[in-house]
Structures are given as C-alpha cells and as structure tokens.
C-alpha cells in the first residue's frame, strides 16, 4: 500500500476550492489493485463522483515514485474509452 509523506502542491488548494464551488463530490474511490516495486508504486482504481450536478465515473491508475520513503513524483491516468482488459497467454 502506498505509504509516503506528501508535500502539498501549490496549485492544489485552488483546484480543491473550484471542485467544491462547482458541486464536486466524491461518491466512491475504489482501489482495485496496488503494486509495489523498488521505488515505484502503482494503484488501479475506479472514481465515482458528481460534478456540476452530473454523476460520473471512470477507471484510472496512479503511478508514484518514491525516494527514501517520500513521494517525489505522482502521475495519474484516466480512461477516456472502454477499458481494454486482455487475458490469455503471451507467446
């Protein structure tokens, strides 16, 4: 599980204030899988929310890079189409 000290990004308070002002509400943020390798951690999740009166959801992932137990980079991805989930045997 991702355990790191997070440093507040200067733009985050403005984003948070806009989110709340435009009726943004998190209904559920379900984490499906978490992977840890050396200095990287990855989580796959589904985000369900309301924004400007509309209820929506999407799948996404977060990739975190750590150094000495502290978060040094965070990148998030969101799906924009139906999620492709391949299963099988690679040749």
N, C-alpha and C. Protein backbone atom coordinates (compact mmCIF):
# COMPACT_ATOMS: atom_id res chain seq x y z
N UNK A 1 0.85 -1.17 0.00
CA UNK A 1 0.00 0.00 0.00
C UNK A 1 0.90 1.23 0.00
N UNK A 2 0.50 2.26 -0.71
CA UNK A 2 1.28 3.49 -0.83
C UNK A 2 1.39 4.18 0.52
N UNK A 3 2.59 4.28 1.04
CA UNK A 3 2.85 4.96 2.30
C UNK A 3 3.96 5.96 2.06
N UNK A 4 3.65 7.22 1.99
CA UNK A 4 4.67 8.23 1.71
C UNK A 4 4.26 9.55 2.34
N UNK A 5 5.24 10.38 2.59
CA UNK A 5 4.97 11.74 3.05
C UNK A 5 4.67 12.58 1.82
N UNK A 6 3.53 13.25 1.79
CA UNK A 6 3.11 14.01 0.62
C UNK A 6 3.32 15.50 0.88
N UNK A 7 3.99 16.17 -0.04
CA UNK A 7 4.21 17.61 0.04
C UNK A 7 3.11 18.29 -0.74
N UNK A 8 2.43 19.25 -0.13
CA UNK A 8 1.32 19.95 -0.77
C UNK A 8 1.79 20.73 -1.99
N UNK A 9 1.16 20.50 -3.12
CA UNK A 9 1.46 21.20 -4.35
C UNK A 9 0.76 22.56 -4.30
N UNK A 10 1.45 23.66 -4.65
CA UNK A 10 0.85 25.00 -4.55
C UNK A 10 -0.50 25.15 -5.26
N UNK A 11 -0.71 24.47 -6.39
CA UNK A 11 -1.96 24.63 -7.14
C UNK A 11 -3.11 23.82 -6.54
N UNK A 12 -2.82 22.92 -5.64
CA UNK A 12 -3.86 22.04 -5.11
C UNK A 12 -4.98 22.77 -4.37
N UNK A 13 -4.70 23.75 -3.51
CA UNK A 13 -5.81 24.45 -2.84
C UNK A 13 -6.77 25.12 -3.83
N UNK A 14 -6.27 25.71 -4.90
CA UNK A 14 -7.14 26.35 -5.90
C UNK A 14 -8.03 25.31 -6.58
N UNK A 15 -7.45 24.15 -6.93
CA UNK A 15 -8.22 23.07 -7.55
C UNK A 15 -9.31 22.59 -6.58
N UNK A 16 -8.94 22.40 -5.34
CA UNK A 16 -9.88 21.93 -4.32
C UNK A 16 -11.04 22.91 -4.15
N UNK A 17 -10.73 24.19 -4.08
CA UNK A 17 -11.77 25.21 -3.94
C UNK A 17 -12.71 25.24 -5.14
N UNK A 18 -12.17 25.10 -6.35
CA UNK A 18 -13.00 25.07 -7.55
C UNK A 18 -13.88 23.82 -7.55
N UNK A 19 -13.30 22.69 -7.18
CA UNK A 19 -14.03 21.42 -7.12
C UNK A 19 -15.26 21.55 -6.21
N UNK A 20 -15.06 22.12 -5.03
CA UNK A 20 -16.17 22.28 -4.08
C UNK A 20 -17.17 23.34 -4.55
N UNK A 21 -16.69 24.44 -5.12
CA UNK A 21 -17.57 25.51 -5.59
C UNK A 21 -18.48 25.04 -6.72
N UNK A 22 -18.02 24.08 -7.51
CA UNK A 22 -18.81 23.59 -8.65
C UNK A 22 -19.49 22.27 -8.33
N UNK A 23 -19.78 22.07 -7.04
CA UNK A 23 -20.55 20.92 -6.55
C UNK A 23 -19.85 19.59 -6.82
N UNK A 24 -18.53 19.54 -6.72
CA UNK A 24 -17.80 18.29 -6.86
C UNK A 24 -17.87 17.47 -5.58
N UNK A 25 -18.29 16.23 -5.70
CA UNK A 25 -18.39 15.34 -4.54
C UNK A 25 -17.88 13.96 -4.94
N UNK A 26 -17.01 13.39 -4.11
CA UNK A 26 -16.55 12.01 -4.32
C UNK A 26 -17.59 11.09 -3.72
N UNK A 27 -18.15 10.21 -4.55
CA UNK A 27 -19.12 9.23 -4.07
C UNK A 27 -18.42 7.95 -3.64
N UNK A 28 -17.40 7.55 -4.44
CA UNK A 28 -16.61 6.37 -4.11
C UNK A 28 -15.31 6.42 -4.89
N UNK A 29 -14.23 6.04 -4.23
CA UNK A 29 -12.93 5.90 -4.90
C UNK A 29 -12.43 4.52 -4.52
N UNK A 30 -12.75 3.54 -5.36
CA UNK A 30 -12.45 2.14 -5.06
C UNK A 30 -11.10 1.74 -5.66
N UNK A 31 -10.18 1.36 -4.81
CA UNK A 31 -8.87 0.89 -5.27
C UNK A 31 -8.97 -0.62 -5.47
N UNK A 32 -8.61 -1.08 -6.70
CA UNK A 32 -8.74 -2.49 -7.05
C UNK A 32 -7.45 -3.27 -6.84
N UNK A 33 -6.32 -2.67 -7.18
CA UNK A 33 -5.03 -3.34 -7.06
C UNK A 33 -3.96 -2.31 -6.73
N UNK A 34 -2.96 -2.74 -5.95
CA UNK A 34 -1.80 -1.91 -5.64
C UNK A 34 -0.57 -2.76 -5.86
N UNK A 35 0.40 -2.22 -6.59
CA UNK A 35 1.65 -2.92 -6.90
C UNK A 35 2.82 -2.09 -6.41
N UNK A 36 3.80 -2.75 -5.77
CA UNK A 36 4.99 -2.05 -5.29
C UNK A 36 6.24 -2.76 -5.83
N UNK A 37 7.15 -1.96 -6.41
CA UNK A 37 8.41 -2.48 -6.90
C UNK A 37 9.47 -1.41 -6.68
N UNK A 38 10.49 -1.74 -5.90
CA UNK A 38 11.61 -0.82 -5.63
C UNK A 38 11.10 0.57 -5.26
N UNK A 39 11.31 1.55 -6.14
CA UNK A 39 10.93 2.94 -5.84
C UNK A 39 9.64 3.36 -6.53
N UNK A 40 8.84 2.39 -6.99
CA UNK A 40 7.59 2.70 -7.68
C UNK A 40 6.42 2.01 -7.00
N UNK A 41 5.29 2.70 -6.99
CA UNK A 41 4.04 2.11 -6.54
C UNK A 41 2.95 2.49 -7.53
N UNK A 42 2.10 1.53 -7.86
CA UNK A 42 1.03 1.75 -8.84
C UNK A 42 -0.28 1.26 -8.23
N UNK A 43 -1.33 2.05 -8.40
CA UNK A 43 -2.66 1.66 -7.94
C UNK A 43 -3.63 1.79 -9.11
N UNK A 44 -4.51 0.79 -9.25
CA UNK A 44 -5.60 0.85 -10.23
C UNK A 44 -6.88 1.11 -9.44
N UNK A 45 -7.74 1.98 -9.95
CA UNK A 45 -8.91 2.39 -9.20
C UNK A 45 -10.06 2.79 -10.11
N UNK A 46 -11.24 2.92 -9.50
CA UNK A 46 -12.43 3.48 -10.14
C UNK A 46 -12.88 4.67 -9.31
N UNK A 47 -13.10 5.79 -9.97
CA UNK A 47 -13.50 7.04 -9.31
C UNK A 47 -14.94 7.34 -9.69
N UNK A 48 -15.82 7.42 -8.70
CA UNK A 48 -17.25 7.69 -8.91
C UNK A 48 -17.57 8.99 -8.19
N UNK A 49 -18.15 9.97 -8.91
CA UNK A 49 -18.29 11.32 -8.36
C UNK A 49 -19.46 12.07 -8.98
N UNK A 50 -19.78 13.22 -8.39
CA UNK A 50 -20.68 14.17 -9.04
C UNK A 50 -19.89 15.44 -9.32
N UNK A 51 -20.19 16.07 -10.44
CA UNK A 51 -19.52 17.30 -10.85
C UNK A 51 -20.53 18.14 -11.60
N UNK A 52 -20.75 19.34 -11.12
CA UNK A 52 -21.72 20.26 -11.73
C UNK A 52 -23.10 19.59 -11.90
N UNK A 53 -23.46 18.80 -10.89
CA UNK A 53 -24.78 18.16 -10.89
C UNK A 53 -24.89 16.86 -11.65
N UNK A 54 -23.83 16.41 -12.32
CA UNK A 54 -23.87 15.16 -13.07
C UNK A 54 -23.09 14.07 -12.33
N UNK A 55 -23.67 12.88 -12.29
CA UNK A 55 -22.98 11.75 -11.68
C UNK A 55 -22.17 11.03 -12.75
N UNK A 56 -20.90 10.76 -12.46
CA UNK A 56 -19.99 10.16 -13.45
C UNK A 56 -19.03 9.21 -12.75
N UNK A 57 -18.34 8.40 -13.56
CA UNK A 57 -17.26 7.57 -13.03
C UNK A 57 -16.29 7.23 -14.16
N UNK A 58 -15.07 6.89 -13.78
CA UNK A 58 -14.07 6.44 -14.74
C UNK A 58 -13.02 5.60 -14.02
N UNK A 59 -12.34 4.76 -14.79
CA UNK A 59 -11.23 3.96 -14.26
C UNK A 59 -9.94 4.72 -14.46
N UNK A 60 -8.98 4.46 -13.60
CA UNK A 60 -7.70 5.13 -13.74
C UNK A 60 -6.62 4.42 -12.97
N UNK A 61 -5.43 5.00 -13.02
CA UNK A 61 -4.31 4.47 -12.26
C UNK A 61 -3.42 5.61 -11.81
N UNK A 62 -2.70 5.36 -10.73
CA UNK A 62 -1.76 6.32 -10.18
C UNK A 62 -0.39 5.65 -10.13
N UNK A 63 0.62 6.35 -10.61
CA UNK A 63 2.00 5.87 -10.55
C UNK A 63 2.77 6.84 -9.66
N UNK A 64 3.34 6.32 -8.60
CA UNK A 64 4.10 7.15 -7.66
C UNK A 64 5.56 6.72 -7.67
N UNK A 65 6.46 7.70 -7.57
CA UNK A 65 7.88 7.43 -7.45
C UNK A 65 8.33 7.94 -6.09
N UNK A 66 9.07 7.10 -5.37
CA UNK A 66 9.50 7.41 -4.02
C UNK A 66 11.01 7.51 -3.93
N UNK A 67 11.48 8.29 -2.99
CA UNK A 67 12.91 8.36 -2.67
C UNK A 67 13.03 8.48 -1.16
N UNK A 68 13.69 7.51 -0.54
CA UNK A 68 13.86 7.49 0.91
C UNK A 68 12.50 7.56 1.63
N UNK A 69 11.50 6.87 1.08
CA UNK A 69 10.19 6.81 1.70
C UNK A 69 9.31 8.02 1.50
N UNK A 70 9.78 8.97 0.68
CA UNK A 70 8.98 10.18 0.43
C UNK A 70 8.58 10.25 -1.03
N UNK A 71 7.37 10.75 -1.24
CA UNK A 71 6.84 10.92 -2.58
C UNK A 71 7.58 12.03 -3.31
N UNK A 72 8.14 11.69 -4.50
CA UNK A 72 8.84 12.71 -5.28
C UNK A 72 8.20 12.95 -6.64
N UNK A 73 7.34 12.04 -7.08
CA UNK A 73 6.62 12.24 -8.33
C UNK A 73 5.32 11.45 -8.28
N UNK A 74 4.26 12.07 -8.81
CA UNK A 74 2.96 11.42 -8.86
C UNK A 74 2.35 11.70 -10.21
N UNK A 75 1.93 10.64 -10.89
CA UNK A 75 1.29 10.80 -12.20
C UNK A 75 0.02 9.96 -12.19
N UNK A 76 -1.07 10.55 -12.69
CA UNK A 76 -2.34 9.83 -12.73
C UNK A 76 -2.84 9.74 -14.17
N UNK A 77 -3.47 8.61 -14.46
CA UNK A 77 -4.04 8.35 -15.78
C UNK A 77 -5.52 8.05 -15.62
N UNK A 78 -6.33 8.53 -16.55
CA UNK A 78 -7.76 8.26 -16.55
C UNK A 78 -8.15 7.69 -17.91
N UNK A 79 -9.05 6.71 -17.89
CA UNK A 79 -9.52 6.14 -19.15
C UNK A 79 -10.46 7.14 -19.84
N UNK A 80 -10.40 7.15 -21.15
CA UNK A 80 -11.28 8.02 -21.93
C UNK A 80 -12.13 7.19 -22.89
N UNK A 81 -12.00 5.88 -22.83
CA UNK A 81 -12.78 4.97 -23.66
C UNK A 81 -13.01 3.70 -22.84
N UNK A 82 -13.72 2.76 -23.39
CA UNK A 82 -13.96 1.49 -22.70
C UNK A 82 -12.62 0.83 -22.38
N UNK A 83 -12.48 0.37 -21.17
CA UNK A 83 -11.24 -0.24 -20.72
C UNK A 83 -11.01 -1.57 -21.43
N UNK A 84 -9.84 -1.75 -22.02
CA UNK A 84 -9.46 -2.99 -22.67
C UNK A 84 -8.75 -3.85 -21.65
N UNK A 85 -9.26 -5.04 -21.40
CA UNK A 85 -8.71 -5.91 -20.37
C UNK A 85 -8.37 -7.25 -21.00
N UNK A 86 -7.15 -7.40 -21.47
CA UNK A 86 -6.69 -8.61 -22.14
C UNK A 86 -6.31 -9.66 -21.12
N UNK A 87 -6.73 -10.89 -21.38
CA UNK A 87 -6.31 -12.04 -20.57
C UNK A 87 -5.99 -13.17 -21.51
N UNK A 88 -4.97 -13.90 -21.22
CA UNK A 88 -4.59 -15.02 -22.08
C UNK A 88 -3.15 -15.39 -21.87
N UNK A 89 -2.57 -16.05 -22.85
CA UNK A 89 -1.20 -16.49 -22.76
C UNK A 89 -0.38 -15.77 -23.84
N UNK A 90 0.67 -15.11 -23.42
CA UNK A 90 1.56 -14.43 -24.36
C UNK A 90 2.49 -15.44 -24.96
N UNK A 91 2.68 -15.35 -26.28
CA UNK A 91 3.55 -16.33 -26.94
C UNK A 91 4.99 -16.01 -26.77
